[in-house]
């Protein structure tokens, strides 16, 4: 299993054993991590699973697709490290991944 740490905007950490092959968003929902709404269920059709990828992990999580970039236009407080967690697939290469959650989604 792969470990992911989700850090809420107030600093509260949730470290979960993630299932490889699922997205960072799906693993958050399965582990009841607060702050990821996932209104579209992972279809890259909203921005309610917005996260900030820790800079040390940016290269390993890949680049934003054009569709993802378009959806991030609807997110609040987008930063250079912003990603939609539904677009990051979990694999053993992401063991130890750290993502931070914004104050609000959408």
N, C-alpha and C. Protein backbone atom coordinates (compact mmCIF):
# COMPACT_ATOMS: atom_id res chain seq x y z
N UNK A 1 0.83 -1.19 0.00
CA UNK A 1 0.00 0.00 0.00
C UNK A 1 0.87 1.25 0.00
N UNK A 2 0.29 2.30 -0.48
CA UNK A 2 0.95 3.59 -0.58
C UNK A 2 0.38 4.52 0.48
N UNK A 3 1.22 5.28 1.14
CA UNK A 3 0.78 6.21 2.18
C UNK A 3 0.67 7.61 1.59
N UNK A 4 -0.46 8.27 1.87
CA UNK A 4 -0.68 9.66 1.47
C UNK A 4 -1.06 10.44 2.73
N UNK A 5 -0.49 11.63 2.86
CA UNK A 5 -0.86 12.52 3.96
C UNK A 5 -1.61 13.71 3.39
N UNK A 6 -2.83 13.90 3.87
CA UNK A 6 -3.67 15.04 3.51
C UNK A 6 -3.61 16.00 4.68
N UNK A 7 -3.29 17.26 4.41
CA UNK A 7 -3.19 18.25 5.48
C UNK A 7 -4.26 19.31 5.27
N UNK A 8 -5.18 19.40 6.23
CA UNK A 8 -6.24 20.40 6.17
C UNK A 8 -5.65 21.80 6.31
N UNK A 9 -6.41 22.80 5.92
CA UNK A 9 -5.93 24.20 5.97
C UNK A 9 -5.54 24.63 7.37
N UNK A 10 -6.09 23.96 8.40
CA UNK A 10 -5.75 24.32 9.78
C UNK A 10 -4.56 23.53 10.32
N UNK A 11 -3.96 22.67 9.47
CA UNK A 11 -2.80 21.90 9.87
C UNK A 11 -3.09 20.47 10.33
N UNK A 12 -4.37 20.12 10.44
CA UNK A 12 -4.74 18.76 10.84
C UNK A 12 -4.32 17.78 9.76
N UNK A 13 -3.59 16.74 10.16
CA UNK A 13 -3.08 15.77 9.20
C UNK A 13 -3.89 14.47 9.24
N UNK A 14 -4.08 13.90 8.04
CA UNK A 14 -4.75 12.61 7.89
C UNK A 14 -3.83 11.76 7.02
N UNK A 15 -3.18 10.78 7.60
CA UNK A 15 -2.31 9.89 6.84
C UNK A 15 -3.09 8.60 6.62
N UNK A 16 -3.21 8.21 5.35
CA UNK A 16 -4.01 7.04 5.01
C UNK A 16 -3.18 6.04 4.20
N UNK A 17 -3.58 4.80 4.30
CA UNK A 17 -3.05 3.75 3.44
C UNK A 17 -3.91 3.78 2.18
N UNK A 18 -3.34 4.22 1.08
CA UNK A 18 -4.08 4.41 -0.17
C UNK A 18 -3.99 3.16 -1.04
N UNK A 19 -5.03 2.95 -1.83
CA UNK A 19 -5.07 1.84 -2.76
C UNK A 19 -4.49 2.28 -4.10
N UNK A 20 -3.46 1.60 -4.54
CA UNK A 20 -2.86 1.91 -5.84
C UNK A 20 -3.89 1.70 -6.95
N UNK A 21 -3.83 2.55 -7.97
CA UNK A 21 -4.75 2.45 -9.09
C UNK A 21 -5.95 3.37 -8.95
N UNK A 22 -6.28 3.76 -7.72
CA UNK A 22 -7.34 4.73 -7.50
C UNK A 22 -6.71 6.12 -7.52
N UNK A 23 -7.54 7.14 -7.57
CA UNK A 23 -7.02 8.50 -7.55
C UNK A 23 -6.80 8.97 -6.11
N UNK A 24 -6.06 10.06 -5.98
CA UNK A 24 -5.85 10.68 -4.68
C UNK A 24 -7.21 11.08 -4.08
N UNK A 25 -8.13 11.55 -4.93
CA UNK A 25 -9.48 11.91 -4.49
C UNK A 25 -10.25 10.69 -4.00
N UNK A 26 -10.24 9.61 -4.76
CA UNK A 26 -10.97 8.40 -4.37
C UNK A 26 -10.47 7.87 -3.04
N UNK A 27 -9.17 7.91 -2.83
CA UNK A 27 -8.61 7.46 -1.57
C UNK A 27 -9.02 8.37 -0.42
N UNK A 28 -9.13 9.66 -0.66
CA UNK A 28 -9.59 10.59 0.38
C UNK A 28 -11.03 10.28 0.77
N UNK A 29 -11.89 10.07 -0.23
CA UNK A 29 -13.30 9.78 0.03
C UNK A 29 -13.43 8.46 0.78
N UNK A 30 -12.73 7.42 0.34
CA UNK A 30 -12.79 6.10 1.00
C UNK A 30 -12.32 6.16 2.46
N UNK A 31 -11.44 7.11 2.76
CA UNK A 31 -10.90 7.23 4.11
C UNK A 31 -11.51 8.39 4.88
N UNK A 32 -12.59 8.95 4.35
CA UNK A 32 -13.35 10.02 4.99
C UNK A 32 -12.48 11.21 5.39
N UNK A 33 -11.59 11.61 4.50
CA UNK A 33 -10.77 12.80 4.73
C UNK A 33 -11.65 14.02 4.49
N UNK A 34 -11.82 14.89 5.49
CA UNK A 34 -12.65 16.08 5.29
C UNK A 34 -11.95 17.09 4.38
N UNK A 35 -12.76 17.85 3.64
CA UNK A 35 -12.22 18.91 2.80
C UNK A 35 -12.12 18.57 1.33
N UNK A 36 -12.43 17.33 0.96
CA UNK A 36 -12.50 16.94 -0.45
C UNK A 36 -13.96 16.61 -0.72
N UNK A 37 -14.64 17.45 -1.50
CA UNK A 37 -16.07 17.26 -1.74
C UNK A 37 -16.34 16.28 -2.88
N UNK A 38 -15.58 16.38 -3.97
CA UNK A 38 -15.69 15.47 -5.11
C UNK A 38 -17.12 15.42 -5.67
N UNK A 39 -17.69 16.58 -5.92
CA UNK A 39 -19.07 16.65 -6.40
C UNK A 39 -19.31 15.90 -7.71
N UNK A 40 -18.33 15.88 -8.60
CA UNK A 40 -18.54 15.22 -9.90
C UNK A 40 -18.10 13.76 -9.89
N UNK A 41 -17.63 13.28 -8.77
CA UNK A 41 -17.26 11.88 -8.65
C UNK A 41 -15.97 11.50 -9.35
N UNK A 42 -15.17 12.48 -9.73
CA UNK A 42 -13.88 12.19 -10.34
C UNK A 42 -13.86 12.30 -11.85
N UNK A 43 -14.85 12.97 -12.42
CA UNK A 43 -14.96 13.09 -13.88
C UNK A 43 -14.23 14.31 -14.44
N UNK A 44 -13.50 15.02 -13.60
CA UNK A 44 -12.80 16.25 -14.00
C UNK A 44 -13.80 17.24 -14.58
N UNK A 45 -14.94 17.37 -13.88
CA UNK A 45 -16.00 18.26 -14.34
C UNK A 45 -16.35 19.31 -13.29
N UNK A 46 -15.52 19.42 -12.26
CA UNK A 46 -15.71 20.45 -11.25
C UNK A 46 -14.34 20.73 -10.62
N UNK A 47 -14.32 21.48 -9.57
CA UNK A 47 -13.04 21.77 -8.91
C UNK A 47 -13.16 21.55 -7.41
N UNK A 48 -13.97 20.56 -7.01
CA UNK A 48 -14.22 20.36 -5.58
C UNK A 48 -13.33 19.29 -4.96
N UNK A 49 -12.25 18.94 -5.67
CA UNK A 49 -11.24 18.03 -5.09
C UNK A 49 -9.86 18.68 -5.22
N UNK A 50 -9.85 20.00 -5.23
CA UNK A 50 -8.64 20.80 -5.36
C UNK A 50 -7.69 20.54 -4.19
N UNK A 51 -6.43 20.33 -4.51
CA UNK A 51 -5.38 20.17 -3.50
C UNK A 51 -4.14 20.93 -3.96
N UNK A 52 -3.25 21.16 -3.02
CA UNK A 52 -1.93 21.70 -3.31
C UNK A 52 -0.93 20.57 -3.11
N UNK A 53 -0.26 20.19 -4.15
CA UNK A 53 0.74 19.13 -4.07
C UNK A 53 2.00 19.71 -3.44
N UNK A 54 2.53 19.01 -2.46
CA UNK A 54 3.78 19.44 -1.84
C UNK A 54 4.83 19.58 -2.94
N UNK A 55 5.59 20.68 -2.96
CA UNK A 55 6.57 20.90 -4.02
C UNK A 55 7.53 19.74 -4.27
N UNK A 56 7.86 18.99 -3.25
CA UNK A 56 8.76 17.86 -3.41
C UNK A 56 8.15 16.74 -4.27
N UNK A 57 6.83 16.78 -4.46
CA UNK A 57 6.13 15.72 -5.18
C UNK A 57 5.60 16.16 -6.54
N UNK A 58 5.78 17.42 -6.91
CA UNK A 58 5.23 17.94 -8.16
C UNK A 58 5.62 17.10 -9.38
N UNK A 59 6.88 16.80 -9.52
CA UNK A 59 7.34 16.07 -10.71
C UNK A 59 6.74 14.68 -10.78
N UNK A 60 6.58 14.03 -9.64
CA UNK A 60 6.07 12.66 -9.62
C UNK A 60 4.57 12.58 -9.87
N UNK A 61 3.85 13.66 -9.63
CA UNK A 61 2.40 13.63 -9.85
C UNK A 61 2.02 14.01 -11.27
N UNK A 62 2.97 14.46 -12.06
CA UNK A 62 2.70 14.79 -13.46
C UNK A 62 2.21 16.21 -13.65
N UNK A 63 1.92 16.52 -14.89
CA UNK A 63 1.45 17.86 -15.24
C UNK A 63 -0.06 17.88 -15.38
N UNK A 64 -0.62 19.06 -15.26
CA UNK A 64 -2.06 19.24 -15.45
C UNK A 64 -2.42 19.05 -16.93
N UNK A 65 -3.52 18.38 -17.17
CA UNK A 65 -4.04 18.30 -18.54
C UNK A 65 -4.75 19.62 -18.84
N UNK A 66 -5.08 19.86 -20.09
CA UNK A 66 -5.79 21.09 -20.45
C UNK A 66 -7.18 21.11 -19.81
N UNK A 67 -7.83 19.94 -19.70
CA UNK A 67 -9.15 19.86 -19.06
C UNK A 67 -9.04 20.20 -17.58
N UNK A 68 -8.02 19.65 -16.93
CA UNK A 68 -7.81 19.94 -15.52
C UNK A 68 -7.55 21.43 -15.31
N UNK A 69 -6.72 22.02 -16.16
CA UNK A 69 -6.44 23.45 -16.06
C UNK A 69 -7.72 24.26 -16.19
N UNK A 70 -8.58 23.87 -17.12
CA UNK A 70 -9.86 24.57 -17.30
C UNK A 70 -10.72 24.49 -16.05
N UNK A 71 -10.76 23.34 -15.42
CA UNK A 71 -11.56 23.18 -14.20
C UNK A 71 -10.97 23.95 -13.04
N UNK A 72 -9.65 24.06 -12.98
CA UNK A 72 -9.01 24.83 -11.91
C UNK A 72 -9.37 26.31 -11.98
N UNK A 73 -9.82 26.76 -13.15
CA UNK A 73 -10.27 28.15 -13.27
C UNK A 73 -11.47 28.42 -12.36
N UNK A 74 -12.18 27.36 -11.95
CA UNK A 74 -13.34 27.50 -11.08
C UNK A 74 -12.99 27.34 -9.60
N UNK A 75 -11.75 27.01 -9.31
CA UNK A 75 -11.32 26.79 -7.93
C UNK A 75 -10.93 28.10 -7.27
N UNK A 76 -10.99 28.10 -5.96
CA UNK A 76 -10.56 29.27 -5.18
C UNK A 76 -9.08 29.16 -4.85
N UNK A 77 -8.42 30.28 -4.84
CA UNK A 77 -7.02 30.37 -4.40
C UNK A 77 -6.09 29.36 -5.09
N UNK A 78 -6.13 29.35 -6.42
CA UNK A 78 -5.27 28.46 -7.20
C UNK A 78 -3.82 28.93 -7.10
N UNK A 79 -2.92 27.97 -6.92
CA UNK A 79 -1.49 28.24 -6.81
C UNK A 79 -0.75 27.42 -7.85
N UNK A 80 0.54 27.63 -7.94
CA UNK A 80 1.38 26.90 -8.89
C UNK A 80 1.31 25.38 -8.66
N UNK A 81 1.12 24.98 -7.41
CA UNK A 81 1.09 23.56 -7.08
C UNK A 81 -0.32 22.98 -7.04
N UNK A 82 -1.31 23.73 -7.49
CA UNK A 82 -2.70 23.27 -7.47
C UNK A 82 -2.92 22.13 -8.45
N UNK A 83 -3.67 21.14 -8.01
CA UNK A 83 -4.09 20.01 -8.85
C UNK A 83 -5.49 19.59 -8.43
N UNK A 84 -6.17 18.92 -9.33
CA UNK A 84 -7.41 18.25 -8.97
C UNK A 84 -7.01 16.84 -8.55
N UNK A 85 -7.35 16.47 -7.34
CA UNK A 85 -6.90 15.18 -6.83
C UNK A 85 -7.51 14.00 -7.57
N UNK A 86 -8.59 14.23 -8.32
CA UNK A 86 -9.17 13.14 -9.12
C UNK A 86 -8.29 12.80 -10.32
N UNK A 87 -7.35 13.66 -10.63
CA UNK A 87 -6.50 13.47 -11.81
C UNK A 87 -5.13 12.91 -11.46
N UNK A 88 -4.90 12.60 -10.20
CA UNK A 88 -3.62 12.02 -9.78
C UNK A 88 -3.85 10.57 -9.40
N UNK A 89 -3.33 9.66 -10.20
CA UNK A 89 -3.47 8.23 -9.92
C UNK A 89 -2.40 7.79 -8.92
N UNK A 90 -2.82 7.02 -7.96
CA UNK A 90 -1.92 6.54 -6.91
C UNK A 90 -1.15 5.32 -7.41
N UNK A 91 0.14 5.35 -7.17
CA UNK A 91 1.01 4.21 -7.46
C UNK A 91 2.08 4.16 -6.37
N UNK A 92 2.85 3.09 -6.36
CA UNK A 92 3.89 2.96 -5.34
C UNK A 92 4.92 4.09 -5.43
N UNK A 93 5.05 4.72 -6.60
CA UNK A 93 5.97 5.85 -6.76
C UNK A 93 5.54 7.06 -5.93
N UNK A 94 4.27 7.09 -5.54
CA UNK A 94 3.75 8.21 -4.76
C UNK A 94 3.71 7.92 -3.26
N UNK A 95 4.37 6.84 -2.82
CA UNK A 95 4.39 6.51 -1.41
C UNK A 95 5.02 7.65 -0.62
N UNK A 96 4.23 8.22 0.32
CA UNK A 96 4.69 9.35 1.12
C UNK A 96 4.17 10.69 0.62
N UNK A 97 3.36 10.68 -0.45
CA UNK A 97 2.82 11.91 -1.03
C UNK A 97 2.16 12.77 0.04
N UNK A 98 2.38 14.08 -0.07
CA UNK A 98 1.76 15.05 0.82
C UNK A 98 0.97 16.03 -0.03
N UNK A 99 -0.32 16.20 0.31
CA UNK A 99 -1.14 17.21 -0.34
C UNK A 99 -1.80 18.05 0.75
N UNK A 100 -1.96 19.32 0.44
CA UNK A 100 -2.61 20.25 1.36
C UNK A 100 -3.97 20.65 0.78
N UNK A 101 -4.93 20.87 1.66
CA UNK A 101 -6.28 21.23 1.23
C UNK A 101 -6.52 22.72 1.38
N UNK A 102 -7.24 23.32 0.43
CA UNK A 102 -7.54 24.75 0.54
C UNK A 102 -8.58 25.01 1.63
N UNK A 103 -8.77 26.26 1.96
CA UNK A 103 -9.74 26.63 2.97
C UNK A 103 -11.14 26.20 2.55
N UNK A 104 -11.44 26.36 1.25
CA UNK A 104 -12.75 25.94 0.74
C UNK A 104 -12.58 25.36 -0.66
N UNK A 105 -13.55 24.55 -1.05
CA UNK A 105 -13.54 23.95 -2.38
C UNK A 105 -14.47 24.74 -3.29
N UNK A 106 -14.17 24.70 -4.57
CA UNK A 106 -15.04 25.32 -5.57
C UNK A 106 -14.88 26.79 -5.72
